[in-house]
Amino acid sequence: MKQRLLFLLWALSITFVWAADMLWEVRTPTGSTVYLLGSIHVGKPQLFPLSSTIEEAFEKSDYLVLEILLDDATTVAMQEALLDDARLESNDTLSNHLDVEHYAVLQERLRTLGLEGKSMDGFAPWAAGVMLESVHIMALGYTPTHGIDMYFWRKAQQHNKSTYALESAGQQIAFLREGNATYQEELMAMILEETNATRSDYEKLFGAWQEGDADFFSEEILTPMRTYASVEEILLKARNSKMTQKINRYLNNKKGQNYFVIVGLAHLLGEDGIIAQLQNEGKTVIDYTLKKRSDDNSTNF
């Protein structure tokens, strides 16, 4: 399908476009390289096989780096954090923390998914939102089991490749639960908007990922998120800066070692994204995405 589409584009525009990936390569004078692969975290079997460019970048790397580790210990830590922080006090209820309209839409979404409208009443807004989004995505046929992160986690285990994490399970839960009432309300509003997406919307999203179309993601994900300023600040900007600091430590290793870093695509894109921050620091960044490859490597006949 991808080859046919590229051939069609060539035939129509008489312009040759190299295959693209949601991948960036950051090099240092010491010989260390960090590959940055933007992930959506969930997927379907049809997402594979991945391109040879991505697979080769992984093979060249000494270490795999994920947002969080996917081992049993991290899973248990995530579950414990959810149990500790997700539930409201027995005399409290979710509707006390949400706008009337948002609560009504949440109930509608839950019923559409075959759940009771009040099934999330005992949970904090952030937890109810995360669970709603998870159920919605799985109902459309996408699971973390078939995501990019899990694919490379398993591959690293098979090849005895050491794996590190940019964040811990506790840190990720903390990002979700922190913030004032405005943040919690905005987070729910954003998730309600996202869970309005259809199967067709997700097919377009994954099609864009497979084509390396970073501009599509910037328009579909980053632009809408700007509506929710507190969410953008806490879930993106603050985390982007911390992730960039960690990536710089990988780049500054003195042994010339290479790292294959998989991070949510939204963290890489935009003027506050990891890629922009590295470029602003003067790092050499090779861009394998569609816009960059088509701009730099197109040949007109």
C-alpha atoms as a PDB file:
ATOM      1  CA  MET A   1       0.000   0.000   0.000  1.00  0.00           C
ATOM      2  CA  LYS A   2       2.783   2.423   0.950  1.00  0.00           C
ATOM      3  CA  GLN A   3       4.745   1.719  -2.231  1.00  0.00           C
ATOM      4  CA  ARG A   4       1.620   2.088  -4.392  1.00  0.00           C
ATOM      5  CA  LEU A   5       0.806   5.407  -2.740  1.00  0.00           C
ATOM      6  CA  LEU A   6       4.324   6.745  -3.273  1.00  0.00           C
ATOM      7  CA  PHE A   7       4.244   5.593  -6.890  1.00  0.00           C
ATOM      8  CA  LEU A   8       0.912   7.339  -7.392  1.00  0.00           C
ATOM      9  CA  LEU A   9       2.289  10.547  -5.881  1.00  0.00           C
ATOM     10  CA  TRP A  10       5.287  10.304  -8.188  1.00  0.00           C
ATOM     11  CA  ALA A  11       3.082   9.763 -11.229  1.00  0.00           C
ATOM     12  CA  LEU A  12       0.841  12.710 -10.388  1.00  0.00           C
ATOM     13  CA  SER A  13       3.457  15.250  -9.326  1.00  0.00           C
ATOM     14  CA  ILE A  14       6.448  13.947 -11.320  1.00  0.00           C
ATOM     15  CA  THR A  15       8.420  14.299  -8.075  1.00  0.00           C
ATOM     16  CA  PHE A  16      10.337  11.467  -6.446  1.00  0.00           C
ATOM     17  CA  VAL A  17       9.815  11.201  -2.668  1.00  0.00           C
ATOM     18  CA  TRP A  18      12.014   8.997  -0.494  1.00  0.00           C
ATOM     19  CA  ALA A  19      10.307   6.688   2.003  1.00  0.00           C
ATOM     20  CA  ALA A  20       9.915   8.425   5.361  1.00  0.00           C
ATOM     21  CA  ASP A  21       9.745   7.403   9.010  1.00  0.00           C
ATOM     22  CA  MET A  22       8.799   9.054  12.295  1.00  0.00           C
ATOM     23  CA  LEU A  23      12.487   8.950  13.161  1.00  0.00           C
ATOM     24  CA  TRP A  24      15.231  11.429  13.999  1.00  0.00           C
ATOM     25  CA  GLU A  25      18.972  10.858  14.441  1.00  0.00           C
ATOM     26  CA  VAL A  26      21.080  13.048  16.739  1.00  0.00           C
ATOM     27  CA  ARG A  27      24.857  12.884  16.398  1.00  0.00           C
ATOM     28  CA  THR A  28      27.744  14.206  18.480  1.00  0.00           C
ATOM     29  CA  PRO A  29      31.425  14.859  17.627  1.00  0.00           C
ATOM     30  CA  THR A  30      32.403  12.075  20.062  1.00  0.00           C
ATOM     31  CA  GLY A  31      30.666   9.501  17.884  1.00  0.00           C
ATOM     32  CA  SER A  32      27.618   8.922  20.060  1.00  0.00           C
ATOM     33  CA  THR A  33      24.243   8.751  18.338  1.00  0.00           C
ATOM     34  CA  VAL A  34      20.725   8.910  19.732  1.00  0.00           C
ATOM     35  CA  TYR A  35      17.889   7.714  17.510  1.00  0.00           C
ATOM     36  CA  LEU A  36      14.498   9.171  18.450  1.00  0.00           C
ATOM     37  CA  LEU A  37      11.435   7.225  17.322  1.00  0.00           C
ATOM     38  CA  GLY A  38       8.022   8.823  17.840  1.00  0.00           C
ATOM     39  CA  SER A  39       5.469   6.350  19.172  1.00  0.00           C
ATOM     40  CA  ILE A  40       1.677   6.229  19.580  1.00  0.00           C
ATOM     41  CA  HIS A  41       2.122   3.498  22.267  1.00  0.00           C
ATOM     42  CA  VAL A  42      -0.700   1.297  20.910  1.00  0.00           C
ATOM     43  CA  GLY A  43      -1.152  -0.482  17.610  1.00  0.00           C
ATOM     44  CA  LYS A  44      -2.457  -3.371  15.524  1.00  0.00           C
ATOM     45  CA  PRO A  45      -0.641  -6.292  13.890  1.00  0.00           C
ATOM     46  CA  GLN A  46      -1.014  -4.443  10.575  1.00  0.00           C
ATOM     47  CA  LEU A  47       1.466  -1.845  11.850  1.00  0.00           C
ATOM     48  CA  PHE A  48       4.255  -4.324  11.157  1.00  0.00           C
ATOM     49  CA  PRO A  49       6.707  -4.969   9.631  1.00  0.00           C
ATOM     50  CA  LEU A  50       8.481  -1.692  10.318  1.00  0.00           C
ATOM     51  CA  SER A  51      10.787  -0.051   7.815  1.00  0.00           C
ATOM     52  CA  SER A  52      14.374  -1.211   7.422  1.00  0.00           C
ATOM     53  CA  THR A  53      15.551   2.278   8.463  1.00  0.00           C
ATOM     54  CA  ILE A  54      13.916   1.918  11.884  1.00  0.00           C
ATOM     55  CA  GLU A  55      15.046  -1.680  12.345  1.00  0.00           C
ATOM     56  CA  GLU A  56      18.632  -0.839  11.385  1.00  0.00           C
ATOM     57  CA  ALA A  57      18.700   2.091  13.819  1.00  0.00           C
ATOM     58  CA  PHE A  58      17.687  -0.303  16.595  1.00  0.00           C
ATOM     59  CA  GLU A  59      20.334  -2.841  15.557  1.00  0.00           C
ATOM     60  CA  LYS A  60      23.040  -0.137  15.586  1.00  0.00           C
ATOM     61  CA  SER A  61      22.124   0.926  19.113  1.00  0.00           C
ATOM     62  CA  ASP A  62      23.741  -0.344  22.292  1.00  0.00           C
ATOM     63  CA  TYR A  63      20.740   0.538  24.454  1.00  0.00           C
ATOM     64  CA  LEU A  64      16.973   0.816  24.192  1.00  0.00           C
ATOM     65  CA  VAL A  65      15.274   3.675  26.056  1.00  0.00           C
ATOM     66  CA  LEU A  66      11.497   3.794  26.631  1.00  0.00           C
ATOM     67  CA  GLU A  67       9.276   6.311  28.404  1.00  0.00           C
ATOM     68  CA  ILE A  68       8.830   3.720  31.164  1.00  0.00           C
ATOM     69  CA  LEU A  69      10.059   0.159  31.487  1.00  0.00           C
ATOM     70  CA  LEU A  70       7.553  -2.519  30.519  1.00  0.00           C
ATOM     71  CA  ASP A  71       8.724  -5.185  32.949  1.00  0.00           C
ATOM     72  CA  ASP A  72       6.589  -6.837  35.627  1.00  0.00           C
ATOM     73  CA  ALA A  73       7.972  -4.648  38.417  1.00  0.00           C
ATOM     74  CA  THR A  74       6.942  -1.456  36.619  1.00  0.00           C
ATOM     75  CA  THR A  75       3.501  -2.890  35.890  1.00  0.00           C
ATOM     76  CA  VAL A  76       3.017  -3.663  39.585  1.00  0.00           C
ATOM     77  CA  ALA A  77       4.264  -0.196  40.554  1.00  0.00           C
ATOM     78  CA  MET A  78       1.798   1.391  38.128  1.00  0.00           C
ATOM     79  CA  GLN A  79      -1.080  -0.671  39.512  1.00  0.00           C
ATOM     80  CA  GLU A  80      -0.156   0.205  43.098  1.00  0.00           C
ATOM     81  CA  ALA A  81       0.068   3.895  42.252  1.00  0.00           C
ATOM     82  CA  LEU A  82      -3.356   3.735  40.627  1.00  0.00           C
ATOM     83  CA  LEU A  83      -4.865   1.996  43.651  1.00  0.00           C
ATOM     84  CA  ASP A  84      -3.300   4.525  46.008  1.00  0.00           C
ATOM     85  CA  ASP A  85      -4.231   7.684  44.128  1.00  0.00           C
ATOM     86  CA  ALA A  86      -7.059   6.961  41.702  1.00  0.00           C
ATOM     87  CA  ARG A  87      -9.969   6.461  44.086  1.00  0.00           C
ATOM     88  CA  LEU A  88     -11.865   9.283  45.752  1.00  0.00           C
ATOM     89  CA  GLU A  89     -12.823   9.269  49.422  1.00  0.00           C
ATOM     90  CA  SER A  90     -15.951   7.241  50.210  1.00  0.00           C
ATOM     91  CA  ASN A  91     -17.990  10.400  50.807  1.00  0.00           C
ATOM     92  CA  ASP A  92     -16.909  11.967  47.515  1.00  0.00           C
ATOM     93  CA  THR A  93     -17.956  11.390  43.894  1.00  0.00           C
ATOM     94  CA  LEU A  94     -16.643  12.254  40.440  1.00  0.00           C
ATOM     95  CA  SER A  95     -19.493  14.639  39.647  1.00  0.00           C
ATOM     96  CA  ASN A  96     -18.211  16.921  42.434  1.00  0.00           C
ATOM     97  CA  HIS A  97     -15.043  17.517  40.433  1.00  0.00           C
ATOM     98  CA  LEU A  98     -16.383  17.983  36.913  1.00  0.00           C
ATOM     99  CA  ASP A  99     -18.437  20.513  35.033  1.00  0.00           C
ATOM    100  CA  VAL A 100     -22.030  19.300  34.611  1.00  0.00           C
ATOM    101  CA  GLU A 101     -21.648  19.111  30.832  1.00  0.00           C
ATOM    102  CA  HIS A 102     -18.380  17.166  30.993  1.00  0.00           C
ATOM    103  CA  TYR A 103     -19.854  14.698  33.461  1.00  0.00           C
ATOM    104  CA  ALA A 104     -22.877  14.154  31.213  1.00  0.00           C
ATOM    105  CA  VAL A 105     -20.669  13.550  28.155  1.00  0.00           C
ATOM    106  CA  LEU A 106     -18.540  11.123  30.178  1.00  0.00           C
ATOM    107  CA  GLN A 107     -21.641   9.126  31.105  1.00  0.00           C
ATOM    108  CA  GLU A 108     -22.695   9.061  27.450  1.00  0.00           C
ATOM    109  CA  ARG A 109     -19.256   7.834  26.349  1.00  0.00           C
ATOM    110  CA  LEU A 110     -19.300   5.074  28.960  1.00  0.00           C
ATOM    111  CA  ARG A 111     -22.742   3.875  27.935  1.00  0.00           C
ATOM    112  CA  THR A 112     -21.668   3.853  24.284  1.00  0.00           C
ATOM    113  CA  LEU A 113     -18.825   1.531  25.298  1.00  0.00           C
ATOM    114  CA  GLY A 114     -21.247  -0.799  27.081  1.00  0.00           C
ATOM    115  CA  LEU A 115     -20.469   0.394  30.617  1.00  0.00           C
ATOM    116  CA  GLU A 116     -22.677   1.877  33.298  1.00  0.00           C
ATOM    117  CA  GLY A 117     -22.821   5.661  33.152  1.00  0.00           C
ATOM    118  CA  LYS A 118     -21.847   5.918  36.819  1.00  0.00           C
ATOM    119  CA  SER A 119     -19.132   3.249  36.695  1.00  0.00           C
ATOM    120  CA  MET A 120     -16.362   5.844  37.139  1.00  0.00           C
ATOM    121  CA  ASP A 121     -18.023   7.778  39.975  1.00  0.00           C
ATOM    122  CA  GLY A 122     -15.565   6.547  42.590  1.00  0.00           C
ATOM    123  CA  PHE A 123     -12.483   7.729  40.703  1.00  0.00           C
ATOM    124  CA  ALA A 124     -10.611  11.018  40.446  1.00  0.00           C
ATOM    125  CA  PRO A 125     -11.052  12.875  37.120  1.00  0.00           C
ATOM    126  CA  TRP A 126      -7.596  11.987  35.779  1.00  0.00           C
ATOM    127  CA  ALA A 127      -8.091   8.279  36.538  1.00  0.00           C
ATOM    128  CA  ALA A 128     -11.590   8.193  35.052  1.00  0.00           C
ATOM    129  CA  GLY A 129     -10.249   9.886  31.934  1.00  0.00           C
ATOM    130  CA  VAL A 130      -7.331   7.486  31.520  1.00  0.00           C
ATOM    131  CA  MET A 131      -9.585   4.450  31.937  1.00  0.00           C
ATOM    132  CA  LEU A 132     -12.146   5.851  29.493  1.00  0.00           C
ATOM    133  CA  GLU A 133      -9.469   6.458  26.881  1.00  0.00           C
ATOM    134  CA  SER A 134      -8.020   2.973  27.347  1.00  0.00           C
ATOM    135  CA  VAL A 135     -11.407   1.277  26.918  1.00  0.00           C
ATOM    136  CA  HIS A 136     -12.198   3.449  23.883  1.00  0.00           C
ATOM    137  CA  ILE A 137      -8.916   2.655  22.129  1.00  0.00           C
ATOM    138  CA  MET A 138      -9.217  -1.082  22.795  1.00  0.00           C
ATOM    139  CA  ALA A 139     -12.804  -1.036  21.520  1.00  0.00           C
ATOM    140  CA  LEU A 140     -11.397   0.229  18.211  1.00  0.00           C
ATOM    141  CA  GLY A 141      -9.010  -2.723  18.063  1.00  0.00           C
ATOM    142  CA  TYR A 142      -5.767  -1.065  19.211  1.00  0.00           C
ATOM    143  CA  THR A 143      -3.742  -2.395  22.144  1.00  0.00           C
ATOM    144  CA  PRO A 144      -0.368  -1.688  23.826  1.00  0.00           C
ATOM    145  CA  THR A 145       0.528  -5.315  23.062  1.00  0.00           C
ATOM    146  CA  HIS A 146       0.860  -4.406  19.387  1.00  0.00           C
ATOM    147  CA  GLY A 147       2.441  -1.010  20.035  1.00  0.00           C
ATOM    148  CA  ILE A 148       5.902   0.124  18.963  1.00  0.00           C
ATOM    149  CA  ASP A 149       7.119   0.279  22.563  1.00  0.00           C
ATOM    150  CA  MET A 150       6.190  -3.320  23.362  1.00  0.00           C
ATOM    151  CA  TYR A 151       7.588  -4.570  20.058  1.00  0.00           C
ATOM    152  CA  PHE A 152      11.058  -3.183  20.765  1.00  0.00           C
ATOM    153  CA  TRP A 153      10.900  -4.061  24.462  1.00  0.00           C
ATOM    154  CA  ARG A 154      10.437  -7.720  23.518  1.00  0.00           C
ATOM    155  CA  LYS A 155      13.114  -7.490  20.859  1.00  0.00           C
ATOM    156  CA  ALA A 156      15.576  -6.001  23.345  1.00  0.00           C
ATOM    157  CA  GLN A 157      14.867  -8.858  25.766  1.00  0.00           C
ATOM    158  CA  GLN A 158      15.473 -11.413  23.015  1.00  0.00           C
ATOM    159  CA  HIS A 159      18.797  -9.791  22.082  1.00  0.00           C
ATOM    160  CA  ASN A 160      19.900  -9.066  25.664  1.00  0.00           C
ATOM    161  CA  LYS A 161      20.002  -5.351  24.887  1.00  0.00           C
ATOM    162  CA  SER A 162      19.997  -3.239  28.057  1.00  0.00           C
ATOM    163  CA  THR A 163      16.926  -1.041  28.470  1.00  0.00           C
ATOM    164  CA  TYR A 164      16.508   2.247  30.330  1.00  0.00           C
ATOM    165  CA  ALA A 165      13.563   4.556  30.989  1.00  0.00           C
ATOM    166  CA  LEU A 166      13.035   8.300  30.701  1.00  0.00           C
ATOM    167  CA  GLU A 167      10.438   8.237  33.492  1.00  0.00           C
ATOM    168  CA  SER A 168       9.188   5.962  36.259  1.00  0.00           C
ATOM    169  CA  ALA A 169       5.640   4.680  36.718  1.00  0.00           C
ATOM    170  CA  GLY A 170       5.277   6.902  39.771  1.00  0.00           C
ATOM    171  CA  GLN A 171       6.363   9.970  37.830  1.00  0.00           C
ATOM    172  CA  GLN A 172       3.829   9.316  35.080  1.00  0.00           C
ATOM    173  CA  ILE A 173       1.002   8.963  37.606  1.00  0.00           C
ATOM    174  CA  ALA A 174       2.192  12.134  39.350  1.00  0.00           C
ATOM    175  CA  PHE A 175       2.002  14.113  36.103  1.00  0.00           C
ATOM    176  CA  LEU A 176      -1.600  12.993  35.655  1.00  0.00           C
ATOM    177  CA  ARG A 177      -2.809  13.655  39.181  1.00  0.00           C
ATOM    178  CA  GLU A 178      -1.005  16.922  39.868  1.00  0.00           C
ATOM    179  CA  GLY A 179      -2.400  20.330  39.091  1.00  0.00           C
ATOM    180  CA  ASN A 180      -5.414  22.244  40.310  1.00  0.00           C
ATOM    181  CA  ALA A 181      -9.097  21.790  39.538  1.00  0.00           C
ATOM    182  CA  THR A 182      -8.681  23.669  36.250  1.00  0.00           C
ATOM    183  CA  TYR A 183      -6.063  21.174  35.104  1.00  0.00           C
ATOM    184  CA  GLN A 184      -8.231  18.183  36.033  1.00  0.00           C
ATOM    185  CA  GLU A 185     -11.211  19.711  34.214  1.00  0.00           C
ATOM    186  CA  GLU A 186      -9.138  20.461  31.110  1.00  0.00           C
ATOM    187  CA  LEU A 187      -7.643  16.976  31.132  1.00  0.00           C
ATOM    188  CA  MET A 188     -11.109  15.425  31.143  1.00  0.00           C
ATOM    189  CA  ALA A 189     -12.303  17.814  28.417  1.00  0.00           C
ATOM    190  CA  MET A 190      -9.348  16.858  26.215  1.00  0.00           C
ATOM    191  CA  ILE A 191      -9.919  13.136  26.756  1.00  0.00           C
ATOM    192  CA  LEU A 192     -13.627  13.498  25.982  1.00  0.00           C
ATOM    193  CA  GLU A 193     -12.654  15.179  22.716  1.00  0.00           C
ATOM    194  CA  GLU A 194     -10.146  12.425  21.915  1.00  0.00           C
ATOM    195  CA  THR A 195     -12.644   9.648  22.663  1.00  0.00           C
ATOM    196  CA  ASN A 196     -14.975  11.129  20.080  1.00  0.00           C
ATOM    197  CA  ALA A 197     -12.542   9.820  17.464  1.00  0.00           C
ATOM    198  CA  THR A 198     -13.826   7.083  15.167  1.00  0.00           C
ATOM    199  CA  ARG A 199     -12.138   3.995  13.757  1.00  0.00           C
ATOM    200  CA  SER A 200     -11.587   5.959  10.547  1.00  0.00           C
ATOM    201  CA  ASP A 201      -9.843   8.740  12.495  1.00  0.00           C
ATOM    202  CA  TYR A 202      -7.437   6.235  14.027  1.00  0.00           C
ATOM    203  CA  GLU A 203      -6.766   4.621  10.671  1.00  0.00           C
ATOM    204  CA  LYS A 204      -5.752   8.038   9.333  1.00  0.00           C
ATOM    205  CA  LEU A 205      -3.554   8.585  12.389  1.00  0.00           C
ATOM    206  CA  PHE A 206      -1.707   5.308  11.966  1.00  0.00           C
ATOM    207  CA  GLY A 207      -1.515   5.786   8.214  1.00  0.00           C
ATOM    208  CA  ALA A 208       0.215   9.108   8.826  1.00  0.00           C
ATOM    209  CA  TRP A 209       2.610   7.430  11.266  1.00  0.00           C
ATOM    210  CA  GLN A 210       3.544   4.789   8.720  1.00  0.00           C
ATOM    211  CA  GLU A 211       4.153   7.507   6.124  1.00  0.00           C
ATOM    212  CA  GLY A 212       6.277   9.571   8.522  1.00  0.00           C
ATOM    213  CA  ASP A 213       3.911  12.532   8.183  1.00  0.00           C
ATOM    214  CA  ALA A 214       4.940  14.630  11.202  1.00  0.00           C
ATOM    215  CA  ASP A 215       2.985  17.658   9.975  1.00  0.00           C
ATOM    216  CA  PHE A 216      -0.253  15.670  10.198  1.00  0.00           C
ATOM    217  CA  PHE A 217       0.426  14.875  13.854  1.00  0.00           C
ATOM    218  CA  SER A 218       1.339  18.450  14.677  1.00  0.00           C
ATOM    219  CA  GLU A 219      -1.966  19.589  13.226  1.00  0.00           C
ATOM    220  CA  GLU A 220      -4.095  16.812  14.715  1.00  0.00           C
ATOM    221  CA  ILE A 221      -2.511  16.536  18.174  1.00  0.00           C
ATOM    222  CA  LEU A 222      -0.433  19.570  19.126  1.00  0.00           C
ATOM    223  CA  THR A 223      -2.734  22.244  17.720  1.00  0.00           C
ATOM    224  CA  PRO A 224      -5.856  21.009  19.590  1.00  0.00           C
ATOM    225  CA  MET A 225      -3.844  20.581  22.803  1.00  0.00           C
ATOM    226  CA  ARG A 226      -3.077  24.301  22.879  1.00  0.00           C
ATOM    227  CA  THR A 227      -6.742  24.768  23.804  1.00  0.00           C
ATOM    228  CA  TYR A 228      -5.903  23.127  27.131  1.00  0.00           C
ATOM    229  CA  ALA A 229      -3.058  25.302  28.406  1.00  0.00           C
ATOM    230  CA  SER A 230      -2.548  23.652  31.793  1.00  0.00           C
ATOM    231  CA  VAL A 231      -2.538  20.165  30.261  1.00  0.00           C
ATOM    232  CA  GLU A 232      -0.041  21.237  27.611  1.00  0.00           C
ATOM    233  CA  GLU A 233       2.224  22.715  30.284  1.00  0.00           C
ATOM    234  CA  ILE A 234       2.158  19.720  32.655  1.00  0.00           C
ATOM    235  CA  LEU A 235       1.896  16.753  30.288  1.00  0.00           C
ATOM    236  CA  LEU A 236       4.056  18.093  27.464  1.00  0.00           C
ATOM    237  CA  LYS A 237       6.281  21.105  28.073  1.00  0.00           C
ATOM    238  CA  ALA A 238       7.507  20.243  31.572  1.00  0.00           C
ATOM    239  CA  ARG A 239       8.160  16.629  30.634  1.00  0.00           C
ATOM    240  CA  ASN A 240       9.817  17.554  27.331  1.00  0.00           C
ATOM    241  CA  SER A 241      12.461  19.592  29.134  1.00  0.00           C
ATOM    242  CA  LYS A 242      13.246  16.794  31.587  1.00  0.00           C
ATOM    243  CA  MET A 243      13.383  14.199  28.821  1.00  0.00           C
ATOM    244  CA  THR A 244      15.736  16.405  26.798  1.00  0.00           C
ATOM    245  CA  GLN A 245      18.078  16.666  29.781  1.00  0.00           C
ATOM    246  CA  LYS A 246      18.218  12.888  30.027  1.00  0.00           C
ATOM    247  CA  ILE A 247      18.765  12.478  26.284  1.00  0.00           C
ATOM    248  CA  ASN A 248      21.657  14.930  26.525  1.00  0.00           C
ATOM    249  CA  ARG A 249      23.263  12.670  29.112  1.00  0.00           C
ATOM    250  CA  TYR A 250      23.077   9.813  26.628  1.00  0.00           C
ATOM    251  CA  LEU A 251      24.626  12.009  23.948  1.00  0.00           C
ATOM    252  CA  ASN A 252      27.440  13.089  26.264  1.00  0.00           C
ATOM    253  CA  ASN A 253      28.619   9.576  27.103  1.00  0.00           C
ATOM    254  CA  LYS A 254      32.354   9.228  26.482  1.00  0.00           C
ATOM    255  CA  LYS A 255      32.277   5.716  25.034  1.00  0.00           C
ATOM    256  CA  GLY A 256      30.657   6.510  21.691  1.00  0.00           C
ATOM    257  CA  GLN A 257      27.628   4.396  22.564  1.00  0.00           C
ATOM    258  CA  ASN A 258      24.334   4.617  20.685  1.00  0.00           C
ATOM    259  CA  TYR A 259      20.826   4.838  22.146  1.00  0.00           C
ATOM    260  CA  PHE A 260      17.491   3.986  20.525  1.00  0.00           C
ATOM    261  CA  VAL A 261      14.895   6.143  22.300  1.00  0.00           C
ATOM    262  CA  ILE A 262      11.159   5.556  21.872  1.00  0.00           C
ATOM    263  CA  VAL A 263       8.951   8.349  23.166  1.00  0.00           C
ATOM    264  CA  GLY A 264       5.411   9.533  22.562  1.00  0.00           C
ATOM    265  CA  LEU A 265       5.402  11.410  19.270  1.00  0.00           C
ATOM    266  CA  ALA A 266       3.817  14.536  20.769  1.00  0.00           C
ATOM    267  CA  HIS A 267       6.942  14.982  22.916  1.00  0.00           C
ATOM    268  CA  LEU A 268       9.146  15.238  19.832  1.00  0.00           C
ATOM    269  CA  LEU A 269       7.156  17.721  17.771  1.00  0.00           C
ATOM    270  CA  GLY A 270       6.513  21.460  17.959  1.00  0.00           C
ATOM    271  CA  GLU A 271       8.544  24.461  19.047  1.00  0.00           C
ATOM    272  CA  ASP A 272       8.703  23.154  22.635  1.00  0.00           C
ATOM    273  CA  GLY A 273       9.371  19.561  21.596  1.00  0.00           C
ATOM    274  CA  ILE A 274      12.493  17.527  22.220  1.00  0.00           C
ATOM    275  CA  ILE A 275      13.710  17.854  18.621  1.00  0.00           C
ATOM    276  CA  ALA A 276      13.438  21.661  18.684  1.00  0.00           C
ATOM    277  CA  GLN A 277      15.204  21.824  22.049  1.00  0.00           C
ATOM    278  CA  LEU A 278      18.109  19.726  20.788  1.00  0.00           C
ATOM    279  CA  GLN A 279      18.365  21.807  17.617  1.00  0.00           C
ATOM    280  CA  ASN A 280      18.329  25.027  19.642  1.00  0.00           C
ATOM    281  CA  GLU A 281      21.265  23.654  21.633  1.00  0.00           C
ATOM    282  CA  GLY A 282      23.198  23.262  18.389  1.00  0.00           C
ATOM    283  CA  LYS A 283      22.887  19.497  18.080  1.00  0.00           C
ATOM    284  CA  THR A 284      23.085  17.895  14.635  1.00  0.00           C
ATOM    285  CA  VAL A 285      19.671  16.365  13.944  1.00  0.00           C
ATOM    286  CA  ILE A 286      18.897  14.250  10.876  1.00  0.00           C
ATOM    287  CA  ASP A 287      15.172  14.258  10.125  1.00  0.00           C
ATOM    288  CA  TYR A 288      13.680  11.184   8.432  1.00  0.00           C
ATOM    289  CA  THR A 289      10.068  12.409   8.440  1.00  0.00           C
ATOM    290  CA  LEU A 290       8.008  12.997   5.304  1.00  0.00           C
ATOM    291  CA  LYS A 291       8.191  16.799   5.072  1.00  0.00           C
ATOM    292  CA  LYS A 292      11.925  16.965   5.620  1.00  0.00           C
ATOM    293  CA  ARG A 293      12.760  14.085   3.298  1.00  0.00           C
ATOM    294  CA  SER A 294      10.498  15.350   0.515  1.00  0.00           C
ATOM    295  CA  ASP A 295      11.874  18.902   0.826  1.00  0.00           C
ATOM    296  CA  ASP A 296      15.531  17.914   0.903  1.00  0.00           C
ATOM    297  CA  ASN A 297      15.558  14.836  -1.322  1.00  0.00           C
ATOM    298  CA  SER A 298      12.993  15.548  -4.018  1.00  0.00           C
ATOM    299  CA  THR A 299      14.121  15.657  -7.600  1.00  0.00           C
ATOM    300  CA  ASN A 300      12.032  17.463 -10.185  1.00  0.00           C
ATOM    301  CA  PHE A 301      12.098  16.229 -13.757  1.00  0.00           C
END
